[in-house]
Amino acid sequence: MIAFHPHLFVRVQELTGPRAPQPLPLSNGFNGGCAYRVLGVFSPSETSEAYFILPNDREELWFISQRHLRFAGLHDTAAHHLPLPAHPSLPAPCEPETVS
């Protein structure tokens, strides 16, 4: 079992090249300008890879390799997506999610 903080958010920084892990998140409903809540973590016993369970912008759940992800902060919120603060090296922020 892998423990993680319930307020953990990550951002996508997709690896490129022939050895990049699949799926490629930015081609599958994720936005580089958003932070995504981590819903779970899975690490198959046959590999050292860890996969984070994240909701994408199309409300699909995906297992994304940790090699595509960077820490985006701990946020005590009910939202599953947060816009990243403006920074010259980051993409434009995503639209904030409305929680009903």
Foldseek 3Di string as FASTA:
>chain_A
DDDDDQQWWKAFQFDDDPPGDPDGVVVPQADRQKIFGFPDKDDDPVDPWIWTWTQGNVRDTDTHTCVGIDTQDGDPDPFGIDGGPDDVVTDGTDDGDDDD
